[in-house]
N, C-alpha and C. Protein backbone atom coordinates (compact mmCIF):
# COMPACT_ATOMS: atom_id res chain seq x y z
N MET A 1 -44.15 -2.31 -31.04
CA MET A 1 -42.90 -1.61 -31.33
C MET A 1 -41.70 -2.46 -30.93
N ARG A 2 -41.82 -3.14 -29.80
CA ARG A 2 -40.71 -3.97 -29.35
C ARG A 2 -40.44 -5.11 -30.33
N GLY A 3 -41.50 -5.70 -30.87
CA GLY A 3 -41.36 -6.77 -31.85
C GLY A 3 -40.64 -6.30 -33.09
N LEU A 4 -40.91 -5.09 -33.51
CA LEU A 4 -40.24 -4.52 -34.67
C LEU A 4 -38.74 -4.39 -34.41
N PHE A 5 -38.37 -3.92 -33.21
CA PHE A 5 -36.96 -3.78 -32.84
C PHE A 5 -36.25 -5.13 -32.92
N VAL A 6 -36.85 -6.16 -32.37
CA VAL A 6 -36.23 -7.48 -32.38
C VAL A 6 -36.13 -8.00 -33.80
N ASP A 7 -37.16 -7.81 -34.62
CA ASP A 7 -37.14 -8.30 -36.00
C ASP A 7 -36.11 -7.58 -36.84
N VAL A 8 -35.94 -6.28 -36.63
CA VAL A 8 -35.01 -5.51 -37.46
C VAL A 8 -33.57 -5.75 -37.04
N TYR A 9 -33.29 -5.72 -35.75
CA TYR A 9 -31.91 -5.78 -35.29
C TYR A 9 -31.41 -7.18 -34.97
N PHE A 10 -32.30 -8.10 -34.68
CA PHE A 10 -31.91 -9.47 -34.36
C PHE A 10 -32.75 -10.44 -35.18
N PRO A 11 -32.40 -10.62 -36.46
CA PRO A 11 -33.20 -11.50 -37.31
C PRO A 11 -33.25 -12.93 -36.74
N GLN A 12 -34.43 -13.46 -36.64
CA GLN A 12 -34.60 -14.79 -36.05
C GLN A 12 -33.93 -15.88 -36.87
N ALA A 13 -33.80 -15.70 -38.18
CA ALA A 13 -33.15 -16.72 -39.00
C ALA A 13 -31.67 -16.84 -38.67
N LEU A 14 -31.04 -15.72 -38.35
CA LEU A 14 -29.61 -15.75 -38.03
C LEU A 14 -29.36 -16.07 -36.56
N PHE A 15 -30.19 -15.55 -35.69
CA PHE A 15 -30.01 -15.71 -34.24
C PHE A 15 -31.31 -16.23 -33.62
N PRO A 16 -31.50 -17.55 -33.64
CA PRO A 16 -32.76 -18.10 -33.14
C PRO A 16 -33.00 -17.78 -31.66
N GLN A 17 -31.96 -17.58 -30.88
CA GLN A 17 -32.15 -17.27 -29.46
C GLN A 17 -32.22 -15.76 -29.22
N GLY A 18 -32.19 -14.97 -30.26
CA GLY A 18 -32.37 -13.55 -30.12
C GLY A 18 -31.11 -12.81 -29.73
N ALA A 19 -31.27 -11.82 -28.89
CA ALA A 19 -30.18 -10.91 -28.55
C ALA A 19 -29.04 -11.60 -27.83
N MET A 20 -29.35 -12.59 -27.01
CA MET A 20 -28.29 -13.25 -26.25
C MET A 20 -27.28 -13.94 -27.17
N ALA A 21 -27.77 -14.55 -28.23
CA ALA A 21 -26.87 -15.21 -29.19
C ALA A 21 -25.98 -14.18 -29.87
N LEU A 22 -26.54 -13.02 -30.19
CA LEU A 22 -25.74 -11.96 -30.81
C LEU A 22 -24.67 -11.47 -29.86
N VAL A 23 -25.05 -11.26 -28.61
CA VAL A 23 -24.08 -10.81 -27.60
C VAL A 23 -22.96 -11.83 -27.44
N LEU A 24 -23.30 -13.10 -27.37
CA LEU A 24 -22.28 -14.14 -27.22
C LEU A 24 -21.38 -14.24 -28.45
N ALA A 25 -21.94 -14.07 -29.63
CA ALA A 25 -21.14 -14.11 -30.85
C ALA A 25 -20.15 -12.94 -30.89
N VAL A 26 -20.61 -11.76 -30.57
CA VAL A 26 -19.73 -10.59 -30.55
C VAL A 26 -18.65 -10.75 -29.48
N ALA A 27 -19.04 -11.26 -28.31
CA ALA A 27 -18.06 -11.47 -27.24
C ALA A 27 -17.01 -12.50 -27.65
N GLY A 28 -17.40 -13.53 -28.36
CA GLY A 28 -16.45 -14.54 -28.83
C GLY A 28 -15.46 -13.96 -29.81
N VAL A 29 -15.94 -13.17 -30.76
CA VAL A 29 -15.05 -12.54 -31.74
C VAL A 29 -14.11 -11.58 -31.03
N TYR A 30 -14.64 -10.78 -30.11
CA TYR A 30 -13.81 -9.83 -29.36
C TYR A 30 -12.73 -10.56 -28.57
N SER A 31 -13.08 -11.69 -27.98
CA SER A 31 -12.14 -12.46 -27.18
C SER A 31 -10.98 -12.96 -28.04
N VAL A 32 -11.28 -13.46 -29.22
CA VAL A 32 -10.23 -13.94 -30.12
C VAL A 32 -9.32 -12.80 -30.55
N ILE A 33 -9.90 -11.66 -30.90
CA ILE A 33 -9.10 -10.50 -31.30
C ILE A 33 -8.23 -10.04 -30.14
N ALA A 34 -8.79 -9.99 -28.94
CA ALA A 34 -8.03 -9.55 -27.77
C ALA A 34 -6.85 -10.49 -27.50
N GLN A 35 -7.06 -11.80 -27.66
CA GLN A 35 -5.98 -12.75 -27.44
C GLN A 35 -4.85 -12.54 -28.45
N VAL A 36 -5.20 -12.27 -29.70
CA VAL A 36 -4.17 -12.02 -30.72
C VAL A 36 -3.39 -10.76 -30.40
N VAL A 37 -4.10 -9.70 -29.99
CA VAL A 37 -3.43 -8.44 -29.66
C VAL A 37 -2.48 -8.62 -28.49
N VAL A 38 -2.93 -9.32 -27.45
CA VAL A 38 -2.08 -9.55 -26.28
C VAL A 38 -0.84 -10.36 -26.67
N GLN A 39 -1.03 -11.37 -27.50
CA GLN A 39 0.11 -12.20 -27.93
C GLN A 39 1.11 -11.38 -28.73
N ARG A 40 0.63 -10.52 -29.62
CA ARG A 40 1.53 -9.68 -30.42
C ARG A 40 2.29 -8.70 -29.53
N ARG A 41 1.60 -8.11 -28.57
CA ARG A 41 2.28 -7.18 -27.65
C ARG A 41 3.34 -7.90 -26.84
N ARG A 42 3.04 -9.11 -26.41
CA ARG A 42 4.00 -9.89 -25.63
C ARG A 42 5.24 -10.19 -26.47
N GLU A 43 5.03 -10.60 -27.72
CA GLU A 43 6.16 -10.88 -28.61
C GLU A 43 6.99 -9.63 -28.86
N LEU A 44 6.34 -8.50 -29.05
CA LEU A 44 7.05 -7.24 -29.27
C LEU A 44 7.86 -6.86 -28.03
N ALA A 45 7.27 -7.03 -26.85
CA ALA A 45 7.99 -6.70 -25.61
C ALA A 45 9.22 -7.58 -25.45
N ILE A 46 9.11 -8.84 -25.80
CA ILE A 46 10.25 -9.75 -25.71
C ILE A 46 11.35 -9.31 -26.67
N ARG A 47 10.96 -8.94 -27.91
CA ARG A 47 11.95 -8.51 -28.89
C ARG A 47 12.64 -7.22 -28.46
N VAL A 48 11.86 -6.27 -27.93
CA VAL A 48 12.44 -5.00 -27.49
C VAL A 48 13.41 -5.23 -26.34
N THR A 49 13.00 -6.07 -25.37
CA THR A 49 13.85 -6.36 -24.22
C THR A 49 15.14 -7.06 -24.67
N ALA A 50 15.01 -8.01 -25.57
CA ALA A 50 16.19 -8.72 -26.06
C ALA A 50 17.13 -7.76 -26.80
N GLY A 51 16.57 -6.85 -27.58
CA GLY A 51 17.39 -5.88 -28.29
C GLY A 51 18.11 -4.94 -27.32
N TYR A 52 17.40 -4.52 -26.28
CA TYR A 52 18.01 -3.64 -25.27
C TYR A 52 19.15 -4.35 -24.56
N LEU A 53 18.92 -5.59 -24.15
CA LEU A 53 19.96 -6.34 -23.44
C LEU A 53 21.16 -6.60 -24.35
N SER A 54 20.91 -6.88 -25.61
CA SER A 54 22.00 -7.12 -26.55
C SER A 54 22.83 -5.85 -26.75
N ALA A 55 22.15 -4.71 -26.89
CA ALA A 55 22.87 -3.45 -27.05
C ALA A 55 23.65 -3.11 -25.79
N ARG A 56 23.07 -3.37 -24.65
CA ARG A 56 23.77 -3.08 -23.39
C ARG A 56 24.99 -3.98 -23.23
N ARG A 57 24.85 -5.23 -23.59
CA ARG A 57 25.97 -6.17 -23.51
C ARG A 57 27.09 -5.73 -24.44
N ALA A 58 26.72 -5.29 -25.64
CA ALA A 58 27.73 -4.82 -26.60
C ALA A 58 28.43 -3.57 -26.07
N ALA A 59 27.67 -2.68 -25.44
CA ALA A 59 28.28 -1.46 -24.88
C ALA A 59 29.23 -1.82 -23.74
N ASP A 60 28.85 -2.80 -22.92
CA ASP A 60 29.73 -3.23 -21.82
C ASP A 60 31.03 -3.83 -22.37
N VAL A 61 30.93 -4.61 -23.43
CA VAL A 61 32.12 -5.21 -24.04
C VAL A 61 33.00 -4.11 -24.62
N ASP A 62 32.39 -3.14 -25.28
CA ASP A 62 33.17 -2.02 -25.84
C ASP A 62 33.87 -1.24 -24.75
N SER A 63 33.17 -0.99 -23.64
CA SER A 63 33.80 -0.21 -22.56
C SER A 63 34.93 -1.01 -21.91
N MET A 64 34.75 -2.30 -21.77
CA MET A 64 35.82 -3.13 -21.20
C MET A 64 37.02 -3.17 -22.14
N THR A 65 36.77 -3.23 -23.43
CA THR A 65 37.85 -3.23 -24.41
C THR A 65 38.60 -1.90 -24.36
N ALA A 66 37.86 -0.81 -24.23
CA ALA A 66 38.48 0.52 -24.15
C ALA A 66 39.33 0.63 -22.88
N LEU A 67 38.84 0.07 -21.77
CA LEU A 67 39.62 0.12 -20.52
C LEU A 67 40.90 -0.70 -20.63
N LYS A 68 40.82 -1.85 -21.28
CA LYS A 68 42.00 -2.70 -21.44
C LYS A 68 43.03 -2.04 -22.35
N ALA A 69 42.54 -1.28 -23.33
CA ALA A 69 43.45 -0.61 -24.27
C ALA A 69 44.23 0.51 -23.59
N GLU A 70 43.65 1.09 -22.55
CA GLU A 70 44.33 2.18 -21.85
C GLU A 70 45.38 1.59 -20.98
């Protein structure tokens, strides 16, 4: 029964080392996807922070202009 499990789920032609090769292949793909996701989140955080700081700077300039006008 165990041999059937290995033959069905881990074909020897694709994964000569068996289950360990499959685990390493899946882990490698997951690692690449995780790196891309982390990079995208980092870029988004930088853009959001830059937008917030820009809006805050513009609000400060507007308030200073309003104070000078009074």
